Amino acid sequence: MNLAEAIKQCSMDAWETSVPCDVMLGVVTGTDPVKITIGEIKIPAELLYVPEHLTYREEEIKLGVYERTVVINKGLSAGDEVIVMRKSGGGGYAVIGKL
């Protein structure tokens, strides 16, 4: 690496560390576990942080003698477009919401 390339690399590294996060659009490609693709990049499930309001949840409701299971949150489905925030350096991805 020559001096010009080293200076360019240092400035790019400094710029990337000064930006706390990137906001991107992705597509849900799987749900158990959640898989999201951003462009050509497939995000591994262990790097995804999905908030509770975007996960499937059901509860059993009892009213007197009646019992029924009700879906509280439908969760994410394959094909859903989501807003994803990438932590600086790519250490994790938080799903912010569904479009």
PDB file of N, CA and C in Angstrom:
ATOM      1  N   MET A   1       0.867  -1.180   0.000  1.00  0.00           N
ATOM      2  CA  MET A   1       0.000   0.000   0.000  1.00  0.00           C
ATOM      3  C   MET A   1       0.902   1.228   0.000  1.00  0.00           C
ATOM      4  N   ASN A   2       0.622   2.147  -0.925  1.00  0.00           N
ATOM      5  CA  ASN A   2       1.418   3.368  -0.976  1.00  0.00           C
ATOM      6  C   ASN A   2       0.849   4.405  -0.011  1.00  0.00           C
ATOM      7  N   LEU A   3       1.530   5.519   0.124  1.00  0.00           N
ATOM      8  CA  LEU A   3       1.147   6.558   1.085  1.00  0.00           C
ATOM      9  C   LEU A   3      -0.238   7.125   0.793  1.00  0.00           C
ATOM     10  N   ALA A   4      -0.554   7.371  -0.483  1.00  0.00           N
ATOM     11  CA  ALA A   4      -1.863   7.935  -0.847  1.00  0.00           C
ATOM     12  C   ALA A   4      -2.993   6.978  -0.459  1.00  0.00           C
ATOM     13  N   GLU A   5      -2.799   5.681  -0.705  1.00  0.00           N
ATOM     14  CA  GLU A   5      -3.821   4.685  -0.340  1.00  0.00           C
ATOM     15  C   GLU A   5      -3.980   4.582   1.169  1.00  0.00           C
ATOM     16  N   ALA A   6      -2.874   4.683   1.907  1.00  0.00           N
ATOM     17  CA  ALA A   6      -2.920   4.624   3.372  1.00  0.00           C
ATOM     18  C   ALA A   6      -3.686   5.812   3.935  1.00  0.00           C
ATOM     19  N   ILE A   7      -3.442   7.001   3.379  1.00  0.00           N
ATOM     20  CA  ILE A   7      -4.155   8.203   3.840  1.00  0.00           C
ATOM     21  C   ILE A   7      -5.641   8.080   3.522  1.00  0.00           C
ATOM     22  N   LYS A   8      -5.946   7.598   2.319  1.00  0.00           N
ATOM     23  CA  LYS A   8      -7.349   7.416   1.938  1.00  0.00           C
ATOM     24  C   LYS A   8      -8.036   6.418   2.871  1.00  0.00           C
ATOM     25  N   GLN A   9      -7.363   5.311   3.176  1.00  0.00           N
ATOM     26  CA  GLN A   9      -7.945   4.299   4.072  1.00  0.00           C
ATOM     27  C   GLN A   9      -8.164   4.872   5.467  1.00  0.00           C
ATOM     28  N   CYS A  10      -7.229   5.638   5.984  1.00  0.00           N
ATOM     29  CA  CYS A  10      -7.371   6.251   7.309  1.00  0.00           C
ATOM     30  C   CYS A  10      -8.556   7.213   7.348  1.00  0.00           C
ATOM     31  N   SER A  11      -8.706   8.005   6.290  1.00  0.00           N
ATOM     32  CA  SER A  11      -9.823   8.957   6.272  1.00  0.00           C
ATOM     33  C   SER A  11     -11.162   8.230   6.154  1.00  0.00           C
ATOM     34  N   MET A  12     -11.221   7.149   5.377  1.00  0.00           N
ATOM     35  CA  MET A  12     -12.467   6.371   5.266  1.00  0.00           C
ATOM     36  C   MET A  12     -12.812   5.716   6.606  1.00  0.00           C
ATOM     37  N   ASP A  13     -11.797   5.176   7.299  1.00  0.00           N
ATOM     38  CA  ASP A  13     -12.028   4.565   8.613  1.00  0.00           C
ATOM     39  C   ASP A  13     -12.530   5.597   9.612  1.00  0.00           C
ATOM     40  N   ALA A  14     -11.956   6.790   9.594  1.00  0.00           N
ATOM     41  CA  ALA A  14     -12.384   7.852  10.504  1.00  0.00           C
ATOM     42  C   ALA A  14     -13.812   8.282  10.205  1.00  0.00           C
ATOM     43  N   TRP A  15     -14.166   8.384   8.927  1.00  0.00           N
ATOM     44  CA  TRP A  15     -15.533   8.777   8.556  1.00  0.00           C
ATOM     45  C   TRP A  15     -16.533   7.727   8.999  1.00  0.00           C
ATOM     46  N   GLU A  16     -16.227   6.434   8.778  1.00  0.00           N
ATOM     47  CA  GLU A  16     -17.159   5.366   9.161  1.00  0.00           C
ATOM     48  C   GLU A  16     -17.374   5.304  10.665  1.00  0.00           C
ATOM     49  N   THR A  17     -16.334   5.562  11.456  1.00  0.00           N
ATOM     50  CA  THR A  17     -16.505   5.518  12.907  1.00  0.00           C
ATOM     51  C   THR A  17     -17.253   6.733  13.430  1.00  0.00           C
ATOM     52  N   SER A  18     -17.289   7.824  12.661  1.00  0.00           N
ATOM     53  CA  SER A  18     -18.012   9.006  13.110  1.00  0.00           C
ATOM     54  C   SER A  18     -19.512   8.908  12.829  1.00  0.00           C
ATOM     55  N   VAL A  19     -19.916   7.998  11.960  1.00  0.00           N
ATOM     56  CA  VAL A  19     -21.322   7.806  11.629  1.00  0.00           C
ATOM     57  C   VAL A  19     -21.856   6.703  12.544  1.00  0.00           C
ATOM     58  N   PRO A  20     -22.777   7.026  13.468  1.00  0.00           N
ATOM     59  CA  PRO A  20     -23.215   6.027  14.452  1.00  0.00           C
ATOM     60  C   PRO A  20     -24.036   4.886  13.863  1.00  0.00           C
ATOM     61  N   CYS A  21     -24.772   5.136  12.760  1.00  0.00           N
ATOM     62  CA  CYS A  21     -25.592   4.066  12.195  1.00  0.00           C
ATOM     63  C   CYS A  21     -26.030   4.421  10.777  1.00  0.00           C
ATOM     64  N   ASP A  22     -26.494   3.407  10.065  1.00  0.00           N
ATOM     65  CA  ASP A  22     -27.068   3.581   8.733  1.00  0.00           C
ATOM     66  C   ASP A  22     -28.495   3.065   8.780  1.00  0.00           C
ATOM     67  N   VAL A  23     -29.396   3.747   8.090  1.00  0.00           N
ATOM     68  CA  VAL A  23     -30.784   3.289   7.991  1.00  0.00           C
ATOM     69  C   VAL A  23     -30.986   2.771   6.575  1.00  0.00           C
ATOM     70  N   MET A  24     -31.499   1.527   6.475  1.00  0.00           N
ATOM     71  CA  MET A  24     -31.649   0.872   5.182  1.00  0.00           C
ATOM     72  C   MET A  24     -33.013   0.194   5.087  1.00  0.00           C
ATOM     73  N   LEU A  25     -33.387  -0.176   3.881  1.00  0.00           N
ATOM     74  CA  LEU A  25     -34.608  -0.939   3.651  1.00  0.00           C
ATOM     75  C   LEU A  25     -34.220  -2.374   3.344  1.00  0.00           C
ATOM     76  N   GLY A  26     -34.975  -3.312   3.903  1.00  0.00           N
ATOM     77  CA  GLY A  26     -34.717  -4.723   3.667  1.00  0.00           C
ATOM     78  C   GLY A  26     -36.011  -5.473   3.414  1.00  0.00           C
ATOM     79  N   VAL A  27     -35.874  -6.746   3.071  1.00  0.00           N
ATOM     80  CA  VAL A  27     -37.016  -7.610   2.811  1.00  0.00           C
ATOM     81  C   VAL A  27     -36.881  -8.857   3.677  1.00  0.00           C
ATOM     82  N   VAL A  28     -37.973  -9.238   4.343  1.00  0.00           N
ATOM     83  CA  VAL A  28     -37.990 -10.450   5.157  1.00  0.00           C
ATOM     84  C   VAL A  28     -38.031 -11.642   4.201  1.00  0.00           C
ATOM     85  N   THR A  29     -37.055 -12.551   4.344  1.00  0.00           N
ATOM     86  CA  THR A  29     -37.003 -13.731   3.480  1.00  0.00           C
ATOM     87  C   THR A  29     -37.322 -15.015   4.237  1.00  0.00           C
ATOM     88  N   GLY A  30     -37.405 -14.942   5.564  1.00  0.00           N
ATOM     89  CA  GLY A  30     -37.745 -16.101   6.376  1.00  0.00           C
ATOM     90  C   GLY A  30     -38.224 -15.643   7.735  1.00  0.00           C
ATOM     91  N   THR A  31     -38.972 -16.526   8.430  1.00  0.00           N
ATOM     92  CA  THR A  31     -39.546 -16.095   9.706  1.00  0.00           C
ATOM     93  C   THR A  31     -39.158 -16.945  10.908  1.00  0.00           C
ATOM     94  N   ASP A  32     -38.580 -18.104  10.744  1.00  0.00           N
ATOM     95  CA  ASP A  32     -38.247 -18.927  11.913  1.00  0.00           C
ATOM     96  C   ASP A  32     -36.892 -19.580  11.741  1.00  0.00           C
ATOM     97  N   PRO A  33     -35.811 -18.880  12.064  1.00  0.00           N
ATOM     98  CA  PRO A  33     -35.715 -17.540  12.635  1.00  0.00           C
ATOM     99  C   PRO A  33     -35.891 -16.469  11.553  1.00  0.00           C
ATOM    100  N   VAL A  34     -36.047 -15.234  12.002  1.00  0.00           N
ATOM    101  CA  VAL A  34     -36.232 -14.123  11.058  1.00  0.00           C
ATOM    102  C   VAL A  34     -34.970 -13.966  10.213  1.00  0.00           C
ATOM    103  N   LYS A  35     -35.176 -13.873   8.899  1.00  0.00           N
ATOM    104  CA  LYS A  35     -34.073 -13.654   7.964  1.00  0.00           C
ATOM    105  C   LYS A  35     -34.425 -12.434   7.126  1.00  0.00           C
ATOM    106  N   ILE A  36     -33.468 -11.533   6.987  1.00  0.00           N
ATOM    107  CA  ILE A  36     -33.686 -10.301   6.231  1.00  0.00           C
ATOM    108  C   ILE A  36     -32.562 -10.144   5.219  1.00  0.00           C
ATOM    109  N   THR A  37     -32.946  -9.715   4.014  1.00  0.00           N
ATOM    110  CA  THR A  37     -31.979  -9.445   2.960  1.00  0.00           C
ATOM    111  C   THR A  37     -32.024  -7.964   2.637  1.00  0.00           C
ATOM    112  N   ILE A  38     -30.852  -7.357   2.577  1.00  0.00           N
ATOM    113  CA  ILE A  38     -30.723  -5.954   2.187  1.00  0.00           C
ATOM    114  C   ILE A  38     -29.889  -5.940   0.914  1.00  0.00           C
ATOM    115  N   GLY A  39     -30.544  -5.695  -0.215  1.00  0.00           N
ATOM    116  CA  GLY A  39     -29.845  -5.783  -1.498  1.00  0.00           C
ATOM    117  C   GLY A  39     -29.394  -7.211  -1.719  1.00  0.00           C
ATOM    118  N   GLU A  40     -28.107  -7.418  -1.855  1.00  0.00           N
ATOM    119  CA  GLU A  40     -27.535  -8.757  -2.040  1.00  0.00           C
ATOM    120  C   GLU A  40     -27.053  -9.363  -0.719  1.00  0.00           C
ATOM    121  N   ILE A  41     -27.135  -8.587   0.359  1.00  0.00           N
ATOM    122  CA  ILE A  41     -26.599  -9.027   1.655  1.00  0.00           C
ATOM    123  C   ILE A  41     -27.680  -9.746   2.454  1.00  0.00           C
ATOM    124  N   LYS A  42     -27.369 -10.975   2.889  1.00  0.00           N
ATOM    125  CA  LYS A  42     -28.268 -11.734   3.764  1.00  0.00           C
ATOM    126  C   LYS A  42     -27.771 -11.561   5.192  1.00  0.00           C
ATOM    127  N   ILE A  43     -28.633 -10.997   6.045  1.00  0.00           N
ATOM    128  CA  ILE A  43     -28.250 -10.721   7.433  1.00  0.00           C
ATOM    129  C   ILE A  43     -28.466 -11.981   8.272  1.00  0.00           C
ATOM    130  N   PRO A  44     -27.435 -12.476   8.953  1.00  0.00           N
ATOM    131  CA  PRO A  44     -27.607 -13.652   9.810  1.00  0.00           C
ATOM    132  C   PRO A  44     -28.527 -13.340  10.994  1.00  0.00           C
ATOM    133  N   ALA A  45     -29.321 -14.318  11.392  1.00  0.00           N
ATOM    134  CA  ALA A  45     -30.298 -14.139  12.472  1.00  0.00           C
ATOM    135  C   ALA A  45     -29.637 -13.673  13.766  1.00  0.00           C
ATOM    136  N   GLU A  46     -28.412 -14.118  14.031  1.00  0.00           N
ATOM    137  CA  GLU A  46     -27.756 -13.744  15.288  1.00  0.00           C
ATOM    138  C   GLU A  46     -27.344 -12.282  15.325  1.00  0.00           C
ATOM    139  N   LEU A  47     -27.381 -11.586  14.184  1.00  0.00           N
ATOM    140  CA  LEU A  47     -27.063 -10.156  14.160  1.00  0.00           C
ATOM    141  C   LEU A  47     -28.313  -9.278  14.138  1.00  0.00           C
ATOM    142  N   LEU A  48     -29.492  -9.890  14.136  1.00  0.00           N
ATOM    143  CA  LEU A  48     -30.746  -9.133  14.063  1.00  0.00           C
ATOM    144  C   LEU A  48     -31.348  -8.913  15.443  1.00  0.00           C
ATOM    145  N   TYR A  49     -31.820  -7.706  15.668  1.00  0.00           N
ATOM    146  CA  TYR A  49     -32.563  -7.363  16.886  1.00  0.00           C
ATOM    147  C   TYR A  49     -33.965  -6.974  16.442  1.00  0.00           C
ATOM    148  N   VAL A  50     -34.948  -7.820  16.784  1.00  0.00           N
ATOM    149  CA  VAL A  50     -36.331  -7.592  16.358  1.00  0.00           C
ATOM    150  C   VAL A  50     -37.157  -7.223  17.592  1.00  0.00           C
ATOM    151  N   PRO A  51     -37.801  -6.049  17.584  1.00  0.00           N
ATOM    152  CA  PRO A  51     -38.598  -5.643  18.748  1.00  0.00           C
ATOM    153  C   PRO A  51     -39.835  -6.522  18.922  1.00  0.00           C
ATOM    154  N   GLU A  52     -40.337  -6.560  20.131  1.00  0.00           N
ATOM    155  CA  GLU A  52     -41.465  -7.423  20.478  1.00  0.00           C
ATOM    156  C   GLU A  52     -42.697  -7.157  19.616  1.00  0.00           C
ATOM    157  N   HIS A  53     -42.957  -5.892  19.268  1.00  0.00           N
ATOM    158  CA  HIS A  53     -44.164  -5.587  18.497  1.00  0.00           C
ATOM    159  C   HIS A  53     -44.088  -6.106  17.056  1.00  0.00           C
ATOM    160  N   LEU A  54     -42.928  -6.618  16.642  1.00  0.00           N
ATOM    161  CA  LEU A  54     -42.792  -7.196  15.308  1.00  0.00           C
ATOM    162  C   LEU A  54     -42.604  -8.713  15.345  1.00  0.00           C
ATOM    163  N   THR A  55     -42.855  -9.316  16.513  1.00  0.00           N
ATOM    164  CA  THR A  55     -42.781 -10.767  16.633  1.00  0.00           C
ATOM    165  C   THR A  55     -44.179 -11.335  16.871  1.00  0.00           C
ATOM    166  N   TYR A  56     -44.376 -12.579  16.455  1.00  0.00           N
ATOM    167  CA  TYR A  56     -45.674 -13.218  16.613  1.00  0.00           C
ATOM    168  C   TYR A  56     -45.967 -13.421  18.102  1.00  0.00           C
ATOM    169  N   ARG A  57     -47.189 -13.072  18.503  1.00  0.00           N
ATOM    170  CA  ARG A  57     -47.590 -13.255  19.898  1.00  0.00           C
ATOM    171  C   ARG A  57     -49.085 -13.509  19.974  1.00  0.00           C
ATOM    172  N   GLU A  58     -49.451 -14.521  20.732  1.00  0.00           N
ATOM    173  CA  GLU A  58     -50.859 -14.795  20.954  1.00  0.00           C
ATOM    174  C   GLU A  58     -51.095 -14.995  22.442  1.00  0.00           C
ATOM    175  N   GLU A  59     -52.325 -14.749  22.860  1.00  0.00           N
ATOM    176  CA  GLU A  59     -52.688 -14.899  24.272  1.00  0.00           C
ATOM    177  C   GLU A  59     -54.022 -15.611  24.374  1.00  0.00           C
ATOM    178  N   GLU A  60     -54.191 -16.315  25.467  1.00  0.00           N
ATOM    179  CA  GLU A  60     -55.454 -16.991  25.732  1.00  0.00           C
ATOM    180  C   GLU A  60     -56.330 -16.056  26.567  1.00  0.00           C
ATOM    181  N   ILE A  61     -57.537 -15.802  26.082  1.00  0.00           N
ATOM    182  CA  ILE A  61     -58.469 -14.904  26.745  1.00  0.00           C
ATOM    183  C   ILE A  61     -59.604 -15.730  27.344  1.00  0.00           C
ATOM    184  N   LYS A  62     -59.949 -15.440  28.585  1.00  0.00           N
ATOM    185  CA  LYS A  62     -61.051 -16.130  29.254  1.00  0.00           C
ATOM    186  C   LYS A  62     -62.090 -15.111  29.695  1.00  0.00           C
ATOM    187  N   LEU A  63     -63.316 -15.286  29.239  1.00  0.00           N
ATOM    188  CA  LEU A  63     -64.442 -14.452  29.646  1.00  0.00           C
ATOM    189  C   LEU A  63     -65.547 -15.378  30.150  1.00  0.00           C
ATOM    190  N   GLY A  64     -65.598 -15.515  31.456  1.00  0.00           N
ATOM    191  CA  GLY A  64     -66.581 -16.444  32.027  1.00  0.00           C
ATOM    192  C   GLY A  64     -66.256 -17.866  31.601  1.00  0.00           C
ATOM    193  N   VAL A  65     -67.190 -18.492  30.912  1.00  0.00           N
ATOM    194  CA  VAL A  65     -66.985 -19.871  30.465  1.00  0.00           C
ATOM    195  C   VAL A  65     -66.323 -19.932  29.085  1.00  0.00           C
ATOM    196  N   TYR A  66     -66.199 -18.802  28.425  1.00  0.00           N
ATOM    197  CA  TYR A  66     -65.617 -18.772  27.080  1.00  0.00           C
ATOM    198  C   TYR A  66     -64.101 -18.610  27.148  1.00  0.00           C
ATOM    199  N   GLU A  67     -63.421 -19.417  26.358  1.00  0.00           N
ATOM    200  CA  GLU A  67     -61.971 -19.315  26.227  1.00  0.00           C
ATOM    201  C   GLU A  67     -61.640 -19.218  24.748  1.00  0.00           C
ATOM    202  N   ARG A  68     -60.732 -18.344  24.436  1.00  0.00           N
ATOM    203  CA  ARG A  68     -60.346 -18.182  23.037  1.00  0.00           C
ATOM    204  C   ARG A  68     -58.891 -17.720  22.983  1.00  0.00           C
ATOM    205  N   THR A  69     -58.156 -18.202  21.989  1.00  0.00           N
ATOM    206  CA  THR A  69     -56.796 -17.751  21.754  1.00  0.00           C
ATOM    207  C   THR A  69     -56.857 -16.632  20.724  1.00  0.00           C
ATOM    208  N   VAL A  70     -56.263 -15.495  21.070  1.00  0.00           N
ATOM    209  CA  VAL A  70     -56.305 -14.315  20.225  1.00  0.00           C
ATOM    210  C   VAL A  70     -54.887 -13.949  19.815  1.00  0.00           C
ATOM    211  N   VAL A  71     -54.691 -13.649  18.527  1.00  0.00           N
ATOM    212  CA  VAL A  71     -53.389 -13.197  18.035  1.00  0.00           C
ATOM    213  C   VAL A  71     -53.245 -11.715  18.365  1.00  0.00           C
ATOM    214  N   ILE A  72     -52.256 -11.388  19.169  1.00  0.00           N
ATOM    215  CA  ILE A  72     -52.003 -10.011  19.573  1.00  0.00           C
ATOM    216  C   ILE A  72     -51.145  -9.307  18.523  1.00  0.00           C
ATOM    217  N   ASN A  73     -50.053  -9.949  18.115  1.00  0.00           N
ATOM    218  CA  ASN A  73     -49.160  -9.416  17.086  1.00  0.00           C
ATOM    219  C   ASN A  73     -48.992 -10.475  16.006  1.00  0.00           C
ATOM    220  N   LYS A  74     -49.196 -10.088  14.763  1.00  0.00           N
ATOM    221  CA  LYS A  74     -49.036 -11.013  13.646  1.00  0.00           C
ATOM    222  C   LYS A  74     -47.568 -11.297  13.363  1.00  0.00           C
ATOM    223  N   GLY A  75     -46.707 -10.360  13.696  1.00  0.00           N
ATOM    224  CA  GLY A  75     -45.288 -10.535  13.447  1.00  0.00           C
ATOM    225  C   GLY A  75     -44.922 -10.241  12.005  1.00  0.00           C
ATOM    226  N   LEU A  76     -43.721 -10.608  11.639  1.00  0.00           N
ATOM    227  CA  LEU A  76     -43.230 -10.389  10.290  1.00  0.00           C
ATOM    228  C   LEU A  76     -43.527 -11.601   9.421  1.00  0.00           C
ATOM    229  N   SER A  77     -43.772 -11.356   8.149  1.00  0.00           N
ATOM    230  CA  SER A  77     -44.025 -12.427   7.179  1.00  0.00           C
ATOM    231  C   SER A  77     -43.019 -12.298   6.049  1.00  0.00           C
ATOM    232  N   ALA A  78     -42.752 -13.405   5.387  1.00  0.00           N
ATOM    233  CA  ALA A  78     -41.857 -13.378   4.232  1.00  0.00           C
ATOM    234  C   ALA A  78     -42.417 -12.413   3.189  1.00  0.00           C
ATOM    235  N   GLY A  79     -41.557 -11.574   2.662  1.00  0.00           N
ATOM    236  CA  GLY A  79     -41.969 -10.585   1.672  1.00  0.00           C
ATOM    237  C   GLY A  79     -42.223  -9.204   2.257  1.00  0.00           C
ATOM    238  N   ASP A  80     -42.343  -9.097   3.585  1.00  0.00           N
ATOM    239  CA  ASP A  80     -42.539  -7.787   4.217  1.00  0.00           C
ATOM    240  C   ASP A  80     -41.305  -6.912   4.003  1.00  0.00           C
ATOM    241  N   GLU A  81     -41.532  -5.633   3.711  1.00  0.00           N
ATOM    242  CA  GLU A  81     -40.439  -4.669   3.638  1.00  0.00           C
ATOM    243  C   GLU A  81     -40.275  -4.050   5.016  1.00  0.00           C
ATOM    244  N   VAL A  82     -39.032  -3.965   5.472  1.00  0.00           N
ATOM    245  CA  VAL A  82     -38.744  -3.449   6.807  1.00  0.00           C
ATOM    246  C   VAL A  82     -37.678  -2.365   6.751  1.00  0.00           C
ATOM    247  N   ILE A  83     -37.712  -1.500   7.758  1.00  0.00           N
ATOM    248  CA  ILE A  83     -36.684  -0.478   7.932  1.00  0.00           C
ATOM    249  C   ILE A  83     -35.683  -1.042   8.938  1.00  0.00           C
ATOM    250  N   VAL A  84     -34.421  -1.047   8.549  1.00  0.00           N
ATOM    251  CA  VAL A  84     -33.372  -1.643   9.370  1.00  0.00           C
ATOM    252  C   VAL A  84     -32.301  -0.599   9.650  1.00  0.00           C
ATOM    253  N   MET A  85     -31.853  -0.569  10.889  1.00  0.00           N
ATOM    254  CA  MET A  85     -30.789   0.343  11.282  1.00  0.00           C
ATOM    255  C   MET A  85     -29.536  -0.493  11.561  1.00  0.00           C
ATOM    256  N   ARG A  86     -28.450  -0.197  10.855  1.00  0.00           N
ATOM    257  CA  ARG A  86     -27.199  -0.939  11.029  1.00  0.00           C
ATOM    258  C   ARG A  86     -26.283  -0.196  11.980  1.00  0.00           C
ATOM    259  N   LYS A  87     -25.822  -0.902  12.985  1.00  0.00           N
ATOM    260  CA  LYS A  87     -24.884  -0.338  13.944  1.00  0.00           C
ATOM    261  C   LYS A  87     -23.566  -0.042  13.231  1.00  0.00           C
ATOM    262  N   SER A  88     -22.881   1.004  13.628  1.00  0.00           N
ATOM    263  CA  SER A  88     -21.616   1.376  13.022  1.00  0.00           C
ATOM    264  C   SER A  88     -20.653   0.183  13.071  1.00  0.00           C
ATOM    265  N   GLY A  89     -20.052  -0.122  11.943  1.00  0.00           N
ATOM    266  CA  GLY A  89     -19.143  -1.246  11.877  1.00  0.00           C
ATOM    267  C   GLY A  89     -19.831  -2.557  11.548  1.00  0.00           C
ATOM    268  N   GLY A  90     -21.152  -2.550  11.433  1.00  0.00           N
ATOM    269  CA  GLY A  90     -21.894  -3.751  11.054  1.00  0.00           C
ATOM    270  C   GLY A  90     -22.051  -4.767  12.165  1.00  0.00           C
ATOM    271  N   GLY A  91     -21.920  -4.367  13.427  1.00  0.00           N
ATOM    272  CA  GLY A  91     -22.005  -5.297  14.542  1.00  0.00           C
ATOM    273  C   GLY A  91     -23.395  -5.775  14.889  1.00  0.00           C
ATOM    274  N   GLY A  92     -24.406  -5.211  14.299  1.00  0.00           N
ATOM    275  CA  GLY A  92     -25.783  -5.631  14.575  1.00  0.00           C
ATOM    276  C   GLY A  92     -26.757  -4.820  13.760  1.00  0.00           C
ATOM    277  N   TYR A  93     -27.942  -5.361  13.588  1.00  0.00           N
ATOM    278  CA  TYR A  93     -28.986  -4.712  12.799  1.00  0.00           C
ATOM    279  C   TYR A  93     -30.278  -4.719  13.608  1.00  0.00           C
ATOM    280  N   ALA A  94     -30.860  -3.549  13.825  1.00  0.00           N
ATOM    281  CA  ALA A  94     -32.122  -3.429  14.554  1.00  0.00           C
ATOM    282  C   ALA A  94     -33.239  -3.155  13.551  1.00  0.00           C
ATOM    283  N   VAL A  95     -34.283  -3.964  13.639  1.00  0.00           N
ATOM    284  CA  VAL A  95     -35.457  -3.746  12.784  1.00  0.00           C
ATOM    285  C   VAL A  95     -36.299  -2.669  13.463  1.00  0.00           C
ATOM    286  N   ILE A  96     -36.482  -1.553  12.766  1.00  0.00           N
ATOM    287  CA  ILE A  96     -37.201  -0.419  13.349  1.00  0.00           C
ATOM    288  C   ILE A  96     -38.695  -0.530  13.115  1.00  0.00           C
ATOM    289  N   GLY A  97     -39.076  -0.961  11.936  1.00  0.00           N
ATOM    290  CA  GLY A  97     -40.506  -1.029  11.629  1.00  0.00           C
ATOM    291  C   GLY A  97     -40.752  -1.733  10.321  1.00  0.00           C
ATOM    292  N   LYS A  98     -42.029  -1.893  10.033  1.00  0.00           N
ATOM    293  CA  LYS A  98     -42.478  -2.559   8.820  1.00  0.00           C
ATOM    294  C   LYS A  98     -43.180  -1.531   7.946  1.00  0.00           C
ATOM    295  N   LEU A  99     -42.918  -1.566   6.638  1.00  0.00           N
ATOM    296  CA  LEU A  99     -43.550  -0.644   5.702  1.00  0.00           C
ATOM    297  C   LEU A  99     -44.876  -1.191   5.242  1.00  0.00           C
TER     298      LEU A  99
END
